[in-house]
Amino acid sequence: QPLVFSMGKLYQAGKVVIVLKGRFAGRKAVVVRSSDKSADNFGRCLIAGVDKYPRKVNKRMAKTMISNRSRIRPFLKIYNHTHLLPTRFNLNLQSELKGKVAIAEASKKKQSKQHVRKVFQERYGAGKHRWFFTPLRF
């Protein structure tokens, strides 16, 4: 009997991906929710990513300037698996984002975006996941 290997799930919740196509191409994002198959046989992911990365700061800057420059603007979007590049990194955001992110309605999407921004700001302020909060150089 020939050996049969099954492919594991690439796009699990918490996996860091790079967006390859569209408005947010080149941005880093985290998979919030993933579905392997839909009606048209394409897998899709709900991702939360960094639209506007924090800028460089130094000690000489005023506190207001430092807080303004370290703001993060997130985005929420559903992407096809073919337009994402999985990385080896994971962010454990399940506890903070599970069940709290919805984009079906405009008002819920706005609240979800604010929640994601808060979570990202906390992680950035704590100095965790430095690679995720730096823009990709290409």
N, C-alpha and C. Protein backbone atom coordinates (compact mmCIF):
# COMPACT_ATOMS: atom_id res chain seq x y z
N GLN A 1 0.84 -1.20 0.00
CA GLN A 1 0.00 0.00 0.00
C GLN A 1 0.87 1.25 0.00
N PRO A 2 0.52 2.21 -0.85
CA PRO A 2 1.32 3.45 -0.88
C PRO A 2 1.02 4.32 0.34
N LEU A 3 2.04 5.04 0.78
CA LEU A 3 1.86 5.95 1.91
C LEU A 3 1.09 7.17 1.46
N VAL A 4 0.10 7.55 2.23
CA VAL A 4 -0.69 8.73 1.91
C VAL A 4 -0.51 9.74 3.03
N PHE A 5 -0.05 10.92 2.68
CA PHE A 5 0.14 11.99 3.65
C PHE A 5 -0.98 13.00 3.50
N SER A 6 -1.55 13.40 4.61
CA SER A 6 -2.58 14.43 4.54
C SER A 6 -1.98 15.76 4.96
N MET A 7 -2.34 16.78 4.23
CA MET A 7 -1.81 18.12 4.50
C MET A 7 -2.50 18.68 5.74
N GLY A 8 -1.75 19.21 6.67
CA GLY A 8 -2.32 19.83 7.85
C GLY A 8 -2.94 21.18 7.51
N LYS A 9 -3.66 21.73 8.45
CA LYS A 9 -4.27 23.04 8.20
C LYS A 9 -3.19 24.11 8.23
N LEU A 10 -3.08 24.84 7.13
CA LEU A 10 -2.09 25.91 7.05
C LEU A 10 -2.59 27.18 7.73
N TYR A 11 -3.83 27.49 7.54
CA TYR A 11 -4.38 28.76 7.99
C TYR A 11 -5.23 28.59 9.24
N GLN A 12 -4.59 28.23 10.34
CA GLN A 12 -5.30 28.12 11.61
C GLN A 12 -5.34 29.49 12.27
N ALA A 13 -6.26 29.66 13.19
CA ALA A 13 -6.37 30.93 13.91
C ALA A 13 -5.07 31.22 14.65
N GLY A 14 -4.59 32.44 14.49
CA GLY A 14 -3.34 32.83 15.13
C GLY A 14 -2.14 32.80 14.22
N LYS A 15 -2.27 32.22 13.03
CA LYS A 15 -1.14 32.14 12.09
C LYS A 15 -0.91 33.52 11.47
N VAL A 16 0.35 33.95 11.46
CA VAL A 16 0.70 35.23 10.83
C VAL A 16 0.87 34.99 9.34
N VAL A 17 0.25 35.84 8.53
CA VAL A 17 0.31 35.73 7.07
C VAL A 17 0.72 37.06 6.48
N ILE A 18 1.16 37.02 5.23
CA ILE A 18 1.45 38.23 4.47
C ILE A 18 0.47 38.28 3.32
N VAL A 19 -0.17 39.42 3.15
CA VAL A 19 -1.17 39.60 2.09
C VAL A 19 -0.43 39.84 0.78
N LEU A 20 -0.81 39.10 -0.27
CA LEU A 20 -0.12 39.19 -1.55
C LEU A 20 -0.86 40.03 -2.58
N LYS A 21 -2.16 40.12 -2.49
CA LYS A 21 -2.93 40.81 -3.52
C LYS A 21 -3.84 41.85 -2.89
N GLY A 22 -4.21 42.84 -3.69
CA GLY A 22 -5.22 43.80 -3.27
C GLY A 22 -4.66 45.03 -2.57
N ARG A 23 -5.54 45.74 -1.95
CA ARG A 23 -5.23 47.02 -1.31
C ARG A 23 -4.19 46.89 -0.20
N PHE A 24 -4.21 45.77 0.51
CA PHE A 24 -3.32 45.59 1.65
C PHE A 24 -2.13 44.69 1.31
N ALA A 25 -1.75 44.61 0.05
CA ALA A 25 -0.63 43.77 -0.38
C ALA A 25 0.65 44.20 0.33
N GLY A 26 1.39 43.22 0.84
CA GLY A 26 2.63 43.51 1.54
C GLY A 26 2.45 43.75 3.02
N ARG A 27 1.22 43.73 3.51
CA ARG A 27 0.96 43.95 4.93
C ARG A 27 0.93 42.62 5.66
N LYS A 28 1.29 42.67 6.94
CA LYS A 28 1.23 41.48 7.79
C LYS A 28 -0.13 41.41 8.46
N ALA A 29 -0.61 40.21 8.66
CA ALA A 29 -1.92 40.03 9.27
C ALA A 29 -1.95 38.72 10.05
N VAL A 30 -2.99 38.56 10.86
CA VAL A 30 -3.20 37.35 11.65
C VAL A 30 -4.54 36.75 11.26
N VAL A 31 -4.56 35.43 11.12
CA VAL A 31 -5.81 34.74 10.80
C VAL A 31 -6.67 34.71 12.06
N VAL A 32 -7.89 35.24 11.95
CA VAL A 32 -8.83 35.22 13.06
C VAL A 32 -9.72 33.99 12.97
N ARG A 33 -10.21 33.73 11.75
CA ARG A 33 -11.10 32.59 11.53
C ARG A 33 -10.83 32.07 10.13
N SER A 34 -10.92 30.77 9.94
CA SER A 34 -10.64 30.19 8.63
C SER A 34 -11.69 29.15 8.28
N SER A 35 -12.06 29.12 6.99
CA SER A 35 -12.95 28.06 6.50
C SER A 35 -12.26 27.44 5.28
N ASP A 36 -12.16 26.11 5.29
CA ASP A 36 -11.41 25.43 4.24
C ASP A 36 -12.14 25.41 2.91
N LYS A 37 -13.42 25.15 2.94
CA LYS A 37 -14.16 25.07 1.69
C LYS A 37 -15.45 25.87 1.78
N SER A 38 -15.79 26.49 0.67
CA SER A 38 -17.08 27.18 0.58
C SER A 38 -17.83 26.62 -0.62
N ALA A 39 -18.88 27.29 -1.05
CA ALA A 39 -19.70 26.80 -2.16
C ALA A 39 -18.90 26.70 -3.46
N ASP A 40 -17.90 27.57 -3.64
CA ASP A 40 -17.12 27.56 -4.88
C ASP A 40 -15.76 26.87 -4.73
N ASN A 41 -15.62 26.04 -3.67
CA ASN A 41 -14.43 25.23 -3.44
C ASN A 41 -13.14 26.03 -3.18
N PHE A 42 -13.26 27.27 -2.72
CA PHE A 42 -12.09 28.06 -2.34
C PHE A 42 -12.14 28.33 -0.84
N GLY A 43 -11.03 28.13 -0.18
CA GLY A 43 -10.94 28.42 1.24
C GLY A 43 -10.75 29.90 1.47
N ARG A 44 -11.31 30.39 2.55
CA ARG A 44 -11.21 31.81 2.87
C ARG A 44 -10.86 32.00 4.33
N CYS A 45 -10.27 33.16 4.64
CA CYS A 45 -9.88 33.51 6.01
C CYS A 45 -10.37 34.90 6.33
N LEU A 46 -10.80 35.07 7.57
CA LEU A 46 -11.00 36.42 8.11
C LEU A 46 -9.69 36.79 8.77
N ILE A 47 -9.06 37.88 8.30
CA ILE A 47 -7.77 38.26 8.85
C ILE A 47 -7.85 39.65 9.46
N ALA A 48 -7.03 39.87 10.47
CA ALA A 48 -6.85 41.18 11.10
C ALA A 48 -5.40 41.55 10.90
N GLY A 49 -5.17 42.68 10.24
CA GLY A 49 -3.81 43.06 9.92
C GLY A 49 -3.50 44.49 10.28
N VAL A 50 -2.25 44.87 10.02
CA VAL A 50 -1.78 46.21 10.31
C VAL A 50 -1.77 47.00 9.01
N ASP A 51 -2.66 48.00 8.92
CA ASP A 51 -2.73 48.85 7.75
C ASP A 51 -1.67 49.94 7.83
N LYS A 52 -1.57 50.59 8.98
CA LYS A 52 -0.58 51.65 9.19
C LYS A 52 0.30 51.25 10.37
N TYR A 53 1.58 51.05 10.08
CA TYR A 53 2.52 50.59 11.10
C TYR A 53 2.96 51.74 11.99
N PRO A 54 3.38 51.45 13.22
CA PRO A 54 3.92 52.50 14.09
C PRO A 54 5.25 53.01 13.53
N ARG A 55 5.52 54.30 13.77
CA ARG A 55 6.74 54.92 13.24
C ARG A 55 7.84 54.95 14.30
N LYS A 56 9.03 55.31 13.89
CA LYS A 56 10.16 55.34 14.80
C LYS A 56 10.00 56.47 15.82
N VAL A 57 10.45 56.21 17.03
CA VAL A 57 10.44 57.23 18.09
C VAL A 57 11.80 57.25 18.77
N ASN A 58 12.15 58.42 19.39
CA ASN A 58 13.35 58.49 20.21
C ASN A 58 13.06 59.27 21.49
N LYS A 59 14.01 59.26 22.40
CA LYS A 59 13.81 59.83 23.73
C LYS A 59 13.52 61.32 23.69
N ARG A 60 14.07 62.03 22.71
CA ARG A 60 13.93 63.48 22.67
C ARG A 60 12.52 63.94 22.35
N MET A 61 11.72 63.06 21.79
CA MET A 61 10.36 63.44 21.39
C MET A 61 9.46 63.63 22.59
N ALA A 62 8.46 64.51 22.43
CA ALA A 62 7.49 64.74 23.50
C ALA A 62 6.58 63.52 23.63
N LYS A 63 5.94 63.38 24.79
CA LYS A 63 5.09 62.21 25.04
C LYS A 63 3.93 62.13 24.07
N THR A 64 3.34 63.29 23.73
CA THR A 64 2.22 63.28 22.78
C THR A 64 2.68 62.82 21.41
N MET A 65 3.86 63.26 21.01
CA MET A 65 4.38 62.85 19.70
C MET A 65 4.68 61.35 19.70
N ILE A 66 5.22 60.85 20.79
CA ILE A 66 5.51 59.41 20.88
C ILE A 66 4.22 58.61 20.81
N SER A 67 3.18 59.06 21.52
CA SER A 67 1.91 58.32 21.48
C SER A 67 1.27 58.38 20.10
N ASN A 68 1.40 59.53 19.41
CA ASN A 68 0.84 59.64 18.06
C ASN A 68 1.59 58.76 17.07
N ARG A 69 2.90 58.71 17.20
CA ARG A 69 3.71 57.94 16.25
C ARG A 69 3.63 56.44 16.51
N SER A 70 3.22 56.04 17.70
CA SER A 70 3.11 54.60 17.97
C SER A 70 1.68 54.08 17.85
N ARG A 71 0.84 54.80 17.16
CA ARG A 71 -0.52 54.32 16.87
C ARG A 71 -0.49 53.29 15.75
N ILE A 72 -1.44 52.38 15.82
CA ILE A 72 -1.57 51.33 14.80
C ILE A 72 -2.96 51.42 14.21
N ARG A 73 -3.05 51.40 12.89
CA ARG A 73 -4.35 51.34 12.23
C ARG A 73 -4.55 49.93 11.69
N PRO A 74 -5.54 49.19 12.21
CA PRO A 74 -5.74 47.82 11.74
C PRO A 74 -6.72 47.74 10.57
N PHE A 75 -6.78 46.57 9.97
CA PHE A 75 -7.82 46.30 8.97
C PHE A 75 -8.38 44.91 9.21
N LEU A 76 -9.64 44.72 8.83
CA LEU A 76 -10.31 43.43 8.89
C LEU A 76 -10.83 43.11 7.50
N LYS A 77 -10.54 41.91 7.02
CA LYS A 77 -10.97 41.58 5.67
C LYS A 77 -11.02 40.06 5.50
N ILE A 78 -11.88 39.62 4.61
CA ILE A 78 -11.94 38.21 4.25
C ILE A 78 -11.12 38.02 2.97
N TYR A 79 -10.15 37.12 3.03
CA TYR A 79 -9.26 36.88 1.90
C TYR A 79 -9.31 35.42 1.48
N ASN A 80 -9.13 35.19 0.20
CA ASN A 80 -8.98 33.86 -0.36
C ASN A 80 -7.60 33.33 0.04
N HIS A 81 -7.50 32.02 0.29
CA HIS A 81 -6.23 31.43 0.70
C HIS A 81 -5.12 31.66 -0.33
N THR A 82 -5.48 31.74 -1.61
CA THR A 82 -4.46 31.90 -2.64
C THR A 82 -3.79 33.27 -2.60
N HIS A 83 -4.39 34.24 -1.94
CA HIS A 83 -3.84 35.59 -1.87
C HIS A 83 -3.08 35.84 -0.57
N LEU A 84 -2.81 34.78 0.18
CA LEU A 84 -2.09 34.91 1.44
C LEU A 84 -0.85 34.02 1.43
N LEU A 85 0.20 34.49 2.11
CA LEU A 85 1.43 33.72 2.26
C LEU A 85 1.62 33.42 3.74
N PRO A 86 1.50 32.15 4.15
CA PRO A 86 1.67 31.83 5.57
C PRO A 86 3.14 31.95 5.98
N THR A 87 3.38 32.39 7.20
CA THR A 87 4.74 32.48 7.73
C THR A 87 4.89 31.43 8.83
N ARG A 88 6.07 31.36 9.41
CA ARG A 88 6.30 30.40 10.49
C ARG A 88 5.86 30.95 11.83
N PHE A 89 5.42 32.21 11.89
CA PHE A 89 5.08 32.86 13.15
C PHE A 89 3.61 32.66 13.52
N ASN A 90 3.35 32.65 14.82
CA ASN A 90 1.99 32.57 15.36
C ASN A 90 1.81 33.64 16.41
N LEU A 91 0.62 34.20 16.47
CA LEU A 91 0.24 35.12 17.54
C LEU A 91 -0.95 34.50 18.25
N ASN A 92 -0.83 34.30 19.53
CA ASN A 92 -1.94 33.69 20.28
C ASN A 92 -2.96 34.76 20.64
N LEU A 93 -3.89 34.98 19.73
CA LEU A 93 -4.92 36.00 19.94
C LEU A 93 -6.30 35.40 20.11
N GLN A 94 -6.38 34.06 20.22
CA GLN A 94 -7.69 33.42 20.30
C GLN A 94 -8.50 33.93 21.48
N SER A 95 -7.85 34.07 22.63
CA SER A 95 -8.59 34.48 23.83
C SER A 95 -9.11 35.90 23.70
N GLU A 96 -8.34 36.78 23.05
CA GLU A 96 -8.76 38.18 22.92
C GLU A 96 -9.75 38.41 21.79
N LEU A 97 -9.64 37.65 20.70
CA LEU A 97 -10.45 37.94 19.51
C LEU A 97 -11.57 36.95 19.25
N LYS A 98 -11.53 35.76 19.87
CA LYS A 98 -12.52 34.74 19.55
C LYS A 98 -13.92 35.20 19.91
N GLY A 99 -14.81 35.21 18.91
CA GLY A 99 -16.19 35.59 19.12
C GLY A 99 -16.43 37.09 19.24
N LYS A 100 -15.37 37.90 19.18
CA LYS A 100 -15.51 39.34 19.34
C LYS A 100 -15.31 40.10 18.04
N VAL A 101 -14.99 39.37 16.98
CA VAL A 101 -14.75 40.01 15.69
C VAL A 101 -15.81 39.54 14.70
N ALA A 102 -16.57 40.50 14.18
CA ALA A 102 -17.59 40.21 13.17
C ALA A 102 -17.61 41.34 12.17
N ILE A 103 -17.75 41.00 10.89
CA ILE A 103 -17.75 42.06 9.87
C ILE A 103 -19.01 42.03 9.00
N ALA A 104 -20.04 41.35 9.47
CA ALA A 104 -21.26 41.23 8.67
C ALA A 104 -21.97 42.58 8.50
N GLU A 105 -22.00 43.37 9.57
CA GLU A 105 -22.65 44.68 9.52
C GLU A 105 -21.60 45.76 9.73
N ALA A 106 -21.90 46.97 9.20
CA ALA A 106 -20.94 48.06 9.28
C ALA A 106 -20.65 48.47 10.72
N SER A 107 -21.69 48.50 11.56
CA SER A 107 -21.49 48.91 12.95
C SER A 107 -20.65 47.89 13.72
N LYS A 108 -20.90 46.59 13.47
CA LYS A 108 -20.13 45.55 14.12
C LYS A 108 -18.68 45.55 13.64
N LYS A 109 -18.49 45.85 12.35
CA LYS A 109 -17.15 45.90 11.81
C LYS A 109 -16.35 47.02 12.45
N LYS A 110 -17.00 48.15 12.67
CA LYS A 110 -16.33 49.30 13.30
C LYS A 110 -15.92 48.96 14.73
N GLN A 111 -16.83 48.33 15.49
CA GLN A 111 -16.52 47.93 16.87
C GLN A 111 -15.40 46.89 16.89
N SER A 112 -15.46 45.96 15.96
CA SER A 112 -14.43 44.92 15.89
C SER A 112 -13.07 45.52 15.57
N LYS A 113 -13.05 46.49 14.67
CA LYS A 113 -11.80 47.15 14.31
C LYS A 113 -11.20 47.88 15.51
N GLN A 114 -12.06 48.53 16.29
CA GLN A 114 -11.58 49.22 17.50
C GLN A 114 -11.02 48.22 18.51
N HIS A 115 -11.68 47.08 18.63
CA HIS A 115 -11.21 46.04 19.54
C HIS A 115 -9.85 45.50 19.10
N VAL A 116 -9.71 45.25 17.80
CA VAL A 116 -8.45 44.75 17.25
C VAL A 116 -7.34 45.79 17.47
N ARG A 117 -7.66 47.05 17.26
CA ARG A 117 -6.68 48.12 17.47
C ARG A 117 -6.19 48.11 18.92
N LYS A 118 -7.14 47.95 19.86
CA LYS A 118 -6.79 47.92 21.28
C LYS A 118 -5.85 46.76 21.60
N VAL A 119 -6.17 45.59 21.05
CA VAL A 119 -5.35 44.40 21.29
C VAL A 119 -3.95 44.58 20.69
N PHE A 120 -3.89 45.10 19.45
CA PHE A 120 -2.60 45.33 18.81
C PHE A 120 -1.77 46.36 19.57
N GLN A 121 -2.42 47.43 20.04
CA GLN A 121 -1.71 48.49 20.78
C GLN A 121 -1.13 47.93 22.07
N GLU A 122 -1.89 47.07 22.77
CA GLU A 122 -1.40 46.47 24.01
C GLU A 122 -0.17 45.60 23.73
N ARG A 123 -0.24 44.80 22.66
CA ARG A 123 0.88 43.93 22.32
C ARG A 123 2.11 44.76 21.93
N TYR A 124 1.90 45.82 21.16
CA TYR A 124 3.01 46.66 20.73
C TYR A 124 3.62 47.40 21.92
N GLY A 125 2.77 47.92 22.80
CA GLY A 125 3.24 48.63 23.98
C GLY A 125 4.03 47.75 24.92
N ALA A 126 3.67 46.47 25.00
CA ALA A 126 4.36 45.52 25.87
C ALA A 126 5.68 45.05 25.25
N GLY A 127 5.91 45.38 23.99
CA GLY A 127 7.15 44.97 23.32
C GLY A 127 7.12 43.55 22.79
N LYS A 128 5.93 42.97 22.68
CA LYS A 128 5.81 41.60 22.16
C LYS A 128 5.66 41.63 20.64
N HIS A 129 6.13 40.57 20.00
CA HIS A 129 5.96 40.36 18.56
C HIS A 129 6.49 41.56 17.75
N ARG A 130 7.72 41.94 17.98
CA ARG A 130 8.31 43.12 17.32
C ARG A 130 8.30 42.97 15.80
N TRP A 131 8.54 41.75 15.31
CA TRP A 131 8.58 41.53 13.87
C TRP A 131 7.24 41.85 13.22
N PHE A 132 6.17 41.52 13.92
CA PHE A 132 4.83 41.73 13.36
C PHE A 132 4.52 43.22 13.17
N PHE A 133 5.04 44.06 14.03
CA PHE A 133 4.71 45.49 13.99
C PHE A 133 5.73 46.33 13.23
N THR A 134 6.59 45.71 12.44
CA THR A 134 7.50 46.45 11.57
C THR A 134 7.10 46.21 10.12
N PRO A 135 7.13 47.24 9.30
CA PRO A 135 6.73 47.05 7.91
C PRO A 135 7.68 46.13 7.16
N LEU A 136 7.13 45.43 6.19
CA LEU A 136 7.91 44.50 5.38
C LEU A 136 8.72 45.31 4.37
N ARG A 137 9.98 45.06 4.29
CA ARG A 137 10.84 45.77 3.33
C ARG A 137 11.02 44.89 2.10
N PHE A 138 10.55 45.39 0.96
CA PHE A 138 10.72 44.64 -0.28
C PHE A 138 10.88 45.59 -1.46
